[in-house]
Amino acid sequence: MRMRTCPNCGVENSVKRTTCYQCQGALPSVAEPSARNDAPASRWDALETGRRQGADADQPSSPSSPTTRLEEAAARKLTPAGTIESGSAPSRTAQERRAYRPMRRQALKHVRQMGIFFRQLHTLTASGIALSAAFRDMERRAPKPLRPVASEMGATAEAGQPISTVMQKYRTLFYPWHIGVVRAAEVGGFLPEAFEQIAHAYEEEWETRAALRLRLFFYGVLGIPSILFALPLILAVAQPIPPEGWTPATVIKTVFHFARTVSLPIAVGVGLLGLLWQVLQTTIWFQAVQQRVVIRLPLAGRIARGAALDRYLATLGLMLRGGLPIASAAEEAAVAAGNVVLTPKLLALVPALREGAPLSGLLAQTRAFDPDTLNMASTGETTGSLPDMLARASRYYREDSASKRRMALKVGGVAFGVVWLIILGALTVIALQNYYNYVFRFENWITGEDLEGIQWHQRP
């Protein structure tokens, strides 16, 4: 994003602002670069000149270009209905201001497809391709389930309306914080950064869930069936020797008896628990409960908290850099945090910000931010570089969350291995104990008595 320095106080402002947000002094106008009539408006026009025949020659080259959408967003805002107003972020209804509710979690394949979708959008828009042209390309290259959505978003962008209105229609595809980030990006003019932030979150989620699923597949799909197969044999060895001795028919009958009464109920119980977990994962209320539980865990809670605060600070910093009032920016950033525990606390700061309270003091009241972040926010307010300080703080949270996530995966792998070794060790001890007991019983069976002196076999 292009910036310019205020001649009065020296604070950097967006090129779309007409007054400095620090000293409220007038800013000199920025000369727009001369247009090249003989060149295509964007790289997309150069690639598809024959098909489009210059249809997009009058469209801006990028949704975040300093000479197009940023200047247009200087004194206006995009509302969900596509109307334009001035001076603030998109208005929120009373229903949207209710407590944050997460969206139901989708399958691992869906997470991978959404990550590819937003990564493609980020690459296209960041390279200078117009937003509508990027969605036309996504109609052919995006994952198949998302191509109709890309087509509708492209038509909306061509009509000059915000694409967040389309995202709101597909609540089963987009998380609420996705919509919050995109709504903020449409006002501040940083859609490529918003797409990158969403794609990064999806890629991290896919990497984490894929690693966990691999371990669960190894220990669950390969380990549990082997245990259930060996368990009837171990229990059969522990049984008393029949008077007529062990015959193939007796062995098969005993093994199938324990397989039917022990292994099968365990397998059915594990399968039902897995199915119940998958069903609960698709419900919103369980996601809310899960977020409340996870955020209180020692290591996983810090990872979830760091990811939410990273989204909040990054969105807030970008919106302030775009020239939005701090109260409106904080409201949109709170929704972009995407956590049922933190989002209500962050939304509660908006009324005080409208009354002029300092941001750093209000952030300290939430008890969610570390002292370093609060000090950086205070320094930014004092020096007039609050957007830059918030962006740096968000990077710290992102790097810290990523490092803890990698450590959690390693710890989880070791924990799975230890639990598996304990289970195998216990089964091995039980099997050896039953085997040696069987050897002694067999010796007593040969002599005609079992270990307790009961006659099992009368010798002639």
Protein backbone atom coordinates (compact mmCIF):
# COMPACT_ATOMS: atom_id res chain seq x y z
CA MET A 1 0.00 0.00 0.00
CA ARG A 2 1.37 3.43 -0.95
CA MET A 3 1.97 5.84 1.88
CA ARG A 4 2.84 9.52 2.10
CA THR A 5 4.28 11.63 4.91
CA CYS A 6 2.30 14.42 6.52
CA PRO A 7 4.17 17.73 6.04
CA ASN A 8 2.94 18.95 9.46
CA CYS A 9 3.75 16.13 11.89
CA GLY A 10 5.72 13.67 9.76
CA VAL A 11 3.34 10.72 10.30
CA GLU A 12 2.79 8.34 7.40
CA ASN A 13 -0.74 8.28 5.97
CA SER A 14 -2.44 6.35 3.22
CA VAL A 15 -2.52 8.05 -0.17
CA LYS A 16 -6.31 7.94 -0.06
CA ARG A 17 -6.57 10.20 2.99
CA THR A 18 -7.13 13.92 2.56
CA THR A 19 -6.35 14.80 6.21
CA CYS A 20 -3.73 13.39 8.60
CA TYR A 21 -5.23 11.03 11.14
CA GLN A 22 -2.71 12.26 13.77
CA CYS A 23 -2.80 16.07 13.51
CA GLN A 24 -5.91 16.40 11.30
CA GLY A 25 -3.97 18.69 9.00
CA ALA A 26 -4.62 18.87 5.27
CA LEU A 27 -2.52 16.56 3.09
CA PRO A 28 -1.25 17.55 -0.37
CA SER A 29 -2.91 15.82 -3.28
CA VAL A 30 -1.12 12.96 -4.98
CA ALA A 31 -0.65 13.17 -8.70
CA GLU A 32 -2.03 10.16 -10.47
CA PRO A 33 0.28 8.40 -12.90
CA SER A 34 -0.45 9.01 -16.53
CA ALA A 35 -2.40 6.28 -18.25
CA ARG A 36 -0.91 4.40 -21.17
CA ASN A 37 -3.53 4.30 -23.89
CA ASP A 38 -1.64 1.80 -25.97
CA ALA A 39 -1.10 -0.72 -23.12
CA PRO A 40 -3.56 -3.12 -21.51
CA ALA A 41 -4.97 -2.15 -18.15
CA SER A 42 -3.56 -5.23 -16.47
CA ARG A 43 -1.53 -8.34 -17.05
CA TRP A 44 -4.79 -10.22 -17.49
CA ASP A 45 -5.67 -8.06 -20.51
CA ALA A 46 -2.29 -8.83 -22.03
CA LEU A 47 -2.84 -12.57 -21.60
CA GLU A 48 -6.40 -12.65 -22.96
CA THR A 49 -6.52 -9.88 -25.52
CA GLY A 50 -8.12 -12.06 -28.16
CA ARG A 51 -10.92 -13.36 -25.96
CA ARG A 52 -11.76 -10.22 -24.07
CA GLN A 53 -11.02 -7.76 -26.96
CA GLY A 54 -10.13 -5.04 -24.53
CA ALA A 55 -13.40 -5.33 -22.58
CA ASP A 56 -11.57 -4.70 -19.34
CA ALA A 57 -9.36 -1.91 -20.61
CA ASP A 58 -11.21 0.61 -18.48
CA GLN A 59 -11.14 -1.53 -15.31
CA PRO A 60 -8.51 -0.92 -12.60
CA SER A 61 -5.49 -3.16 -12.71
CA SER A 62 -5.78 -4.28 -9.11
CA PRO A 63 -8.39 -4.14 -6.35
CA SER A 64 -5.79 -2.55 -4.12
CA SER A 65 -4.07 -0.30 -6.69
CA PRO A 66 -3.20 3.11 -5.19
CA THR A 67 -4.70 4.94 -8.18
CA THR A 68 -8.04 3.12 -8.20
CA ARG A 69 -9.76 1.53 -5.23
CA LEU A 70 -7.70 3.27 -2.58
CA GLU A 71 -8.61 6.70 -3.92
CA GLU A 72 -12.23 5.59 -4.31
CA ALA A 73 -12.28 4.37 -0.69
CA ALA A 74 -10.87 7.64 0.63
CA ALA A 75 -14.27 9.13 1.40
CA ARG A 76 -16.66 6.26 1.05
CA LYS A 77 -17.44 2.77 2.26
CA LEU A 78 -19.00 -0.35 0.75
CA THR A 79 -22.04 -1.70 2.54
CA PRO A 80 -23.40 -5.24 2.16
CA ALA A 81 -26.07 -3.94 -0.20
CA GLY A 82 -23.45 -2.31 -2.43
CA THR A 83 -24.36 1.28 -1.49
CA ILE A 84 -21.72 3.85 -0.73
CA GLU A 85 -21.46 5.98 2.35
CA SER A 86 -18.64 8.06 3.76
CA GLY A 87 -16.65 8.12 6.91
CA SER A 88 -16.78 4.66 8.48
CA ALA A 89 -16.65 0.91 8.05
CA PRO A 90 -19.62 -1.16 6.81
CA SER A 91 -22.57 -0.82 9.15
CA ARG A 92 -23.53 -3.81 11.23
CA THR A 93 -27.05 -4.77 12.16
CA ALA A 94 -28.04 -5.65 15.69
CA GLN A 95 -28.09 -9.32 14.74
CA GLU A 96 -24.48 -9.13 13.51
CA ARG A 97 -23.41 -7.58 16.81
CA ARG A 98 -24.54 -10.61 18.80
CA ALA A 99 -22.07 -13.00 20.37
CA TYR A 100 -19.71 -14.50 17.86
CA ARG A 101 -20.67 -17.98 16.61
CA PRO A 102 -18.19 -20.15 14.76
CA MET A 103 -19.01 -21.95 11.56
CA ARG A 104 -19.25 -25.72 11.47
CA ARG A 105 -15.95 -27.37 10.63
CA GLN A 106 -15.65 -29.17 7.33
CA ALA A 107 -13.71 -32.22 6.21
CA LEU A 108 -9.97 -32.21 5.64
CA LYS A 109 -10.45 -32.20 1.86
CA HIS A 110 -12.60 -29.09 2.12
CA VAL A 111 -9.91 -27.33 4.17
CA ARG A 112 -7.33 -28.11 1.49
CA GLN A 113 -9.61 -26.87 -1.30
CA MET A 114 -10.37 -23.62 0.53
CA GLY A 115 -6.66 -23.04 1.12
CA ILE A 116 -5.97 -23.50 -2.60
CA PHE A 117 -8.89 -21.22 -3.48
CA PHE A 118 -7.71 -18.29 -1.37
CA ARG A 119 -4.05 -18.83 -2.27
CA GLN A 120 -4.96 -18.57 -5.96
CA LEU A 121 -6.97 -15.42 -5.26
CA HIS A 122 -4.05 -13.88 -3.40
CA THR A 123 -1.59 -14.71 -6.18
CA LEU A 124 -3.84 -13.33 -8.91
CA THR A 125 -4.79 -10.10 -7.17
CA ALA A 126 -1.30 -9.44 -5.81
CA SER A 127 0.17 -9.76 -9.31
CA GLY A 128 -1.94 -6.88 -10.61
CA ILE A 129 -4.94 -8.70 -12.10
CA ALA A 130 -8.32 -7.06 -11.63
CA LEU A 131 -10.64 -8.67 -9.11
CA SER A 132 -13.34 -9.55 -11.65
CA ALA A 133 -10.76 -10.99 -14.04
CA ALA A 134 -9.23 -13.02 -11.22
CA PHE A 135 -12.59 -14.61 -10.47
CA ARG A 136 -13.10 -15.38 -14.17
CA ASP A 137 -9.83 -17.27 -14.07
CA MET A 138 -10.94 -19.01 -10.87
CA GLU A 139 -14.03 -20.30 -12.69
CA ARG A 140 -11.71 -22.64 -14.62
CA ARG A 141 -8.83 -23.26 -12.20
CA ALA A 142 -10.43 -23.31 -8.76
CA PRO A 143 -11.42 -26.62 -7.10
CA LYS A 144 -14.64 -27.87 -8.70
CA PRO A 145 -16.95 -27.39 -5.68
CA LEU A 146 -15.92 -23.71 -5.49
CA ARG A 147 -16.22 -22.76 -9.17
CA PRO A 148 -19.91 -21.72 -8.96
CA VAL A 149 -19.06 -19.52 -5.99
CA ALA A 150 -16.16 -17.97 -7.90
CA SER A 151 -18.49 -17.28 -10.82
CA GLU A 152 -21.01 -15.50 -8.59
CA MET A 153 -18.29 -13.52 -6.83
CA GLY A 154 -16.88 -12.48 -10.22
CA ALA A 155 -20.28 -11.24 -11.38
CA THR A 156 -20.67 -9.31 -8.13
CA ALA A 157 -17.24 -7.73 -8.53
CA GLU A 158 -18.01 -6.72 -12.13
CA ALA A 159 -21.20 -5.05 -10.91
CA GLY A 160 -19.15 -2.97 -8.48
CA GLN A 161 -20.59 -4.59 -5.37
CA PRO A 162 -18.60 -6.06 -2.45
CA ILE A 163 -17.85 -9.78 -2.68
CA SER A 164 -18.52 -10.15 1.03
CA THR A 165 -22.23 -10.14 0.18
CA VAL A 166 -21.72 -13.39 -1.73
CA MET A 167 -19.67 -14.87 1.11
CA GLN A 168 -22.50 -14.14 3.52
CA LYS A 169 -24.81 -16.29 1.38
CA TYR A 170 -22.48 -19.30 1.68
CA ARG A 171 -22.18 -19.66 5.44
CA THR A 172 -21.30 -23.34 5.05
CA LEU A 173 -18.17 -22.44 3.08
CA PHE A 174 -16.78 -19.34 4.76
CA TYR A 175 -16.02 -18.79 8.43
CA PRO A 176 -17.48 -15.63 10.02
CA TRP A 177 -13.98 -14.24 10.50
CA HIS A 178 -13.37 -14.70 6.75
CA ILE A 179 -16.31 -12.41 6.05
CA GLY A 180 -15.04 -9.94 8.65
CA VAL A 181 -11.56 -9.80 7.11
CA VAL A 182 -12.90 -9.38 3.58
CA ARG A 183 -15.38 -6.70 4.66
CA ALA A 184 -12.54 -4.82 6.29
CA ALA A 185 -10.33 -5.31 3.23
CA GLU A 186 -12.98 -3.92 0.90
CA VAL A 187 -13.11 -0.73 2.92
CA GLY A 188 -9.36 -0.38 3.45
CA GLY A 189 -8.33 -1.54 -0.02
CA PHE A 190 -6.13 -4.49 0.99
CA LEU A 191 -7.94 -7.48 -0.52
CA PRO A 192 -4.71 -9.31 -1.53
CA GLU A 193 -3.48 -9.14 2.07
CA ALA A 194 -6.85 -10.42 3.30
CA PHE A 195 -6.76 -13.35 0.86
CA GLU A 196 -3.21 -14.17 1.99
CA GLN A 197 -4.24 -14.10 5.64
CA ILE A 198 -7.16 -16.48 5.05
CA ALA A 199 -5.04 -18.79 2.87
CA HIS A 200 -2.30 -18.91 5.50
CA ALA A 201 -4.84 -19.87 8.18
CA TYR A 202 -6.27 -22.64 6.00
CA GLU A 203 -2.81 -23.96 5.16
CA GLU A 204 -1.87 -24.13 8.82
CA GLU A 205 -5.17 -25.83 9.68
CA TRP A 206 -4.68 -28.37 6.89
CA GLU A 207 -1.09 -29.08 7.94
CA THR A 208 -2.09 -29.58 11.57
CA ARG A 209 -5.13 -31.73 10.87
CA ALA A 210 -3.29 -33.79 8.23
CA ALA A 211 -0.47 -34.55 10.68
CA LEU A 212 -2.94 -35.54 13.38
CA ARG A 213 -4.96 -37.66 10.98
CA LEU A 214 -1.82 -39.49 9.84
CA ARG A 215 -1.00 -40.43 13.42
CA LEU A 216 -4.59 -41.39 14.14
CA PHE A 217 -4.64 -43.54 11.00
CA PHE A 218 -1.45 -45.33 12.00
CA TYR A 219 -2.43 -45.95 15.60
CA GLY A 220 -6.17 -46.25 15.11
CA VAL A 221 -6.72 -47.94 11.76
CA LEU A 222 -3.64 -50.16 11.94
CA GLY A 223 -3.20 -50.58 15.68
CA ILE A 224 -6.73 -51.08 17.01
CA PRO A 225 -7.67 -53.88 14.53
CA SER A 226 -4.50 -55.79 15.37
CA ILE A 227 -5.28 -55.49 19.09
CA LEU A 228 -8.89 -56.58 18.56
CA PHE A 229 -7.66 -59.54 16.53
CA ALA A 230 -5.14 -60.65 19.16
CA LEU A 231 -7.44 -60.10 22.15
CA PRO A 232 -9.65 -63.22 21.58
CA LEU A 233 -6.54 -65.39 21.27
CA ILE A 234 -5.15 -64.04 24.55
CA LEU A 235 -8.45 -64.61 26.34
CA ALA A 236 -8.81 -68.10 24.86
CA VAL A 237 -5.42 -69.14 26.23
CA ALA A 238 -6.55 -68.07 29.70
CA GLN A 239 -9.48 -70.50 29.68
CA PRO A 240 -9.33 -73.93 31.43
CA ILE A 241 -8.45 -76.89 29.26
CA PRO A 242 -11.59 -78.88 28.35
CA PRO A 243 -11.76 -82.50 29.61
CA GLU A 244 -11.45 -83.80 26.06
CA GLY A 245 -8.54 -81.47 25.34
CA TRP A 246 -8.23 -78.72 22.74
CA THR A 247 -9.51 -79.63 19.29
CA PRO A 248 -9.67 -77.37 16.20
CA ALA A 249 -13.42 -77.06 16.59
CA THR A 250 -13.11 -76.14 20.28
CA VAL A 251 -10.40 -73.57 19.59
CA ILE A 252 -12.41 -71.92 16.79
CA LYS A 253 -15.56 -71.90 18.90
CA THR A 254 -13.77 -70.30 21.87
CA VAL A 255 -12.00 -67.67 19.75
CA PHE A 256 -15.21 -66.71 17.94
CA HIS A 257 -17.01 -66.48 21.26
CA PHE A 258 -14.56 -63.85 22.58
CA ALA A 259 -14.46 -62.10 19.21
CA ARG A 260 -18.24 -61.75 19.32
CA THR A 261 -18.54 -60.81 22.99
CA VAL A 262 -15.38 -58.69 23.46
CA SER A 263 -13.73 -57.52 20.22
CA LEU A 264 -16.91 -56.75 18.31
CA PRO A 265 -18.47 -54.53 21.03
CA ILE A 266 -15.18 -52.62 21.38
CA ALA A 267 -14.96 -52.12 17.60
CA VAL A 268 -18.58 -50.96 17.41
CA GLY A 269 -18.06 -48.61 20.36
CA VAL A 270 -14.94 -47.05 18.81
CA GLY A 271 -16.70 -46.67 15.46
CA LEU A 272 -19.73 -45.01 17.05
CA LEU A 273 -17.50 -42.63 18.99
CA GLY A 274 -15.69 -41.67 15.79
CA LEU A 275 -18.97 -41.15 13.96
CA LEU A 276 -20.36 -39.10 16.85
CA TRP A 277 -17.24 -36.92 16.81
CA GLN A 278 -17.61 -36.30 13.08
CA VAL A 279 -21.27 -35.36 13.53
CA LEU A 280 -20.52 -33.03 16.44
CA GLN A 281 -17.74 -31.38 14.43
CA THR A 282 -20.36 -30.18 11.95
CA THR A 283 -22.44 -28.40 14.60
CA ILE A 284 -21.90 -24.79 15.60
CA TRP A 285 -22.59 -25.23 19.29
CA PHE A 286 -19.96 -27.99 19.60
CA GLN A 287 -17.42 -25.78 17.84
CA ALA A 288 -18.14 -23.07 20.39
CA VAL A 289 -17.71 -25.52 23.25
CA GLN A 290 -14.53 -26.84 21.68
CA GLN A 291 -13.06 -23.35 21.35
CA ARG A 292 -13.87 -22.58 24.98
CA VAL A 293 -12.21 -25.80 26.13
CA VAL A 294 -9.16 -25.56 23.86
CA ILE A 295 -8.33 -21.99 24.82
CA ARG A 296 -7.99 -23.11 28.47
CA LEU A 297 -5.52 -25.91 27.70
CA PRO A 298 -1.83 -25.25 28.48
CA LEU A 299 -0.27 -25.48 25.00
CA ALA A 300 -3.21 -25.72 22.60
CA GLY A 301 -4.83 -22.72 24.28
CA ARG A 302 -1.81 -20.51 23.62
CA ILE A 303 -1.81 -21.58 19.97
CA ALA A 304 -5.51 -20.79 19.52
CA ARG A 305 -5.18 -17.50 21.40
CA GLY A 306 -2.14 -16.45 19.36
CA ALA A 307 -3.88 -17.20 16.06
CA ALA A 308 -6.96 -15.18 17.05
CA LEU A 309 -4.93 -12.21 18.28
CA ASP A 310 -2.81 -12.33 15.13
CA ARG A 311 -5.95 -11.97 12.99
CA TYR A 312 -7.26 -9.17 15.22
CA LEU A 313 -4.09 -7.08 15.23
CA ALA A 314 -3.33 -7.61 11.54
CA THR A 315 -6.84 -6.60 10.48
CA LEU A 316 -6.92 -3.64 12.85
CA GLY A 317 -3.54 -2.39 11.65
CA LEU A 318 -4.46 -2.65 7.97
CA MET A 319 -7.79 -0.87 8.49
CA LEU A 320 -6.16 1.95 10.43
CA ARG A 321 -3.54 2.28 7.72
CA GLY A 322 -6.38 2.53 5.24
CA GLY A 323 -7.74 5.56 7.10
CA LEU A 324 -10.79 4.15 8.91
CA PRO A 325 -11.84 5.45 12.34
CA ILE A 326 -10.42 3.34 15.12
CA ALA A 327 -13.81 2.37 16.57
CA SER A 328 -15.15 1.04 13.27
CA ALA A 329 -11.85 -0.68 12.54
CA ALA A 330 -11.84 -2.33 15.97
CA GLU A 331 -15.38 -3.63 15.48
CA GLU A 332 -14.51 -5.29 12.17
CA ALA A 333 -11.22 -6.63 13.53
CA ALA A 334 -12.97 -8.18 16.53
CA VAL A 335 -15.17 -10.24 14.21
CA ALA A 336 -12.08 -11.15 12.18
CA ALA A 337 -10.49 -12.61 15.34
CA GLY A 338 -12.87 -15.55 14.99
CA ASN A 339 -12.93 -16.88 18.55
CA VAL A 340 -16.02 -17.25 20.74
CA VAL A 341 -14.04 -16.36 23.86
CA LEU A 342 -12.00 -13.39 22.62
CA THR A 343 -14.37 -11.81 20.09
CA PRO A 344 -17.01 -10.70 22.67
CA LYS A 345 -14.26 -9.16 24.83
CA LEU A 346 -12.85 -7.28 21.85
CA LEU A 347 -16.28 -6.12 20.69
CA ALA A 348 -16.89 -4.70 24.17
CA LEU A 349 -14.06 -2.21 23.56
CA VAL A 350 -15.85 -0.45 20.69
CA PRO A 351 -18.10 1.89 22.77
CA ALA A 352 -15.12 3.13 24.80
CA LEU A 353 -13.11 3.70 21.62
CA ARG A 354 -15.94 5.80 20.23
CA GLU A 355 -15.68 7.98 23.34
CA GLY A 356 -11.95 8.53 22.74
CA ALA A 357 -10.36 6.08 25.19
CA PRO A 358 -6.81 4.97 24.31
CA LEU A 359 -6.54 1.60 22.61
CA SER A 360 -3.61 0.33 24.67
CA GLY A 361 -5.46 0.82 27.94
CA LEU A 362 -8.55 -0.97 26.68
CA LEU A 363 -6.49 -3.88 25.34
CA ALA A 364 -4.91 -4.24 28.78
CA GLN A 365 -8.37 -4.60 30.33
CA THR A 366 -9.09 -7.71 28.25
CA ARG A 367 -6.06 -9.52 29.78
CA ALA A 368 -5.58 -11.28 26.46
CA PHE A 369 -2.45 -9.46 25.24
CA ASP A 370 1.06 -9.79 26.56
CA PRO A 371 2.89 -6.74 28.00
CA ASP A 372 5.10 -6.37 24.93
CA THR A 373 2.08 -5.95 22.67
CA LEU A 374 0.54 -3.39 25.02
CA ASN A 375 3.79 -1.44 25.13
CA MET A 376 4.01 -1.47 21.33
CA ALA A 377 0.42 -0.23 21.05
CA SER A 378 1.11 2.53 23.55
CA THR A 379 4.24 3.56 21.67
CA GLY A 380 2.29 3.58 18.41
CA GLU A 381 -0.35 5.85 19.88
CA THR A 382 2.28 8.21 21.21
CA THR A 383 4.31 8.44 18.00
CA GLY A 384 1.43 8.19 15.53
CA SER A 385 2.62 4.90 14.07
CA LEU A 386 -0.08 2.69 15.55
CA PRO A 387 -0.81 0.74 12.31
CA ASP A 388 2.84 -0.24 11.91
CA MET A 389 3.20 -1.28 15.54
CA LEU A 390 0.04 -3.39 15.38
CA ALA A 391 1.31 -5.07 12.21
CA ARG A 392 4.60 -5.93 13.91
CA ALA A 393 2.79 -7.27 16.98
CA SER A 394 0.59 -9.47 14.77
CA ARG A 395 3.70 -10.96 13.15
CA TYR A 396 5.08 -11.80 16.58
CA TYR A 397 1.85 -13.61 17.45
CA ARG A 398 1.86 -15.45 14.12
CA GLU A 399 5.45 -16.64 14.49
CA ASP A 400 4.94 -17.61 18.11
CA SER A 401 1.76 -19.51 17.28
CA ALA A 402 3.47 -21.31 14.38
CA SER A 403 6.43 -22.37 16.53
CA LYS A 404 4.15 -23.63 19.31
CA ARG A 405 2.02 -25.47 16.79
CA ARG A 406 5.07 -27.32 15.46
CA MET A 407 6.13 -28.14 18.99
CA ALA A 408 2.61 -29.36 19.83
CA LEU A 409 2.68 -31.69 16.82
CA LYS A 410 5.98 -33.16 17.97
CA VAL A 411 4.74 -33.54 21.54
CA GLY A 412 1.53 -35.10 20.25
CA GLY A 413 3.49 -37.60 18.15
CA VAL A 414 5.61 -38.59 21.13
CA ALA A 415 2.51 -38.86 23.33
CA PHE A 416 0.76 -41.10 20.79
CA GLY A 417 3.86 -43.30 20.64
CA VAL A 418 4.14 -43.56 24.43
CA VAL A 419 0.45 -44.48 24.80
CA TRP A 420 0.80 -47.06 22.05
CA LEU A 421 3.87 -48.59 23.71
CA ILE A 422 2.06 -48.76 27.06
CA ILE A 423 -0.89 -50.55 25.47
CA LEU A 424 1.36 -52.98 23.61
CA GLY A 425 3.45 -53.58 26.75
CA ALA A 426 0.37 -54.30 28.84
CA LEU A 427 -0.99 -56.73 26.26
CA THR A 428 2.38 -58.43 25.96
CA VAL A 429 2.60 -58.92 29.74
CA ILE A 430 -0.94 -60.31 29.87
CA ALA A 431 -0.25 -62.63 26.94
CA LEU A 432 2.97 -63.98 28.50
CA GLN A 433 1.25 -64.47 31.85
CA ASN A 434 -1.61 -66.38 30.24
CA TYR A 435 0.83 -68.46 28.22
CA TYR A 436 2.86 -69.56 31.25
CA ASN A 437 -0.32 -70.26 33.21
CA TYR A 438 -1.50 -72.37 30.30
CA VAL A 439 1.77 -74.33 30.35
CA PHE A 440 1.28 -75.19 34.04
CA ARG A 441 -2.38 -76.06 33.51
CA PHE A 442 -1.46 -78.29 30.62
CA GLU A 443 1.05 -80.12 32.80
CA ASN A 444 -1.59 -80.62 35.48
CA TRP A 445 -4.08 -81.68 32.82
CA ILE A 446 -1.65 -84.39 31.69
CA THR A 447 -1.37 -85.69 35.27
CA GLY A 448 -5.16 -85.60 35.64
CA GLU A 449 -5.59 -82.55 37.95
CA ASP A 450 -5.73 -78.82 37.40
CA LEU A 451 -3.98 -76.28 39.62
CA GLU A 452 -6.76 -76.47 42.23
CA GLY A 453 -6.88 -80.30 42.35
CA ILE A 454 -10.10 -80.66 40.32
CA GLN A 455 -10.26 -83.81 38.21
CA TRP A 456 -10.27 -82.86 34.55
CA HIS A 457 -9.04 -86.08 33.00
CA GLN A 458 -9.14 -89.64 34.37
CA ARG A 459 -6.25 -91.71 33.20
CA PRO A 460 -7.07 -95.44 32.48
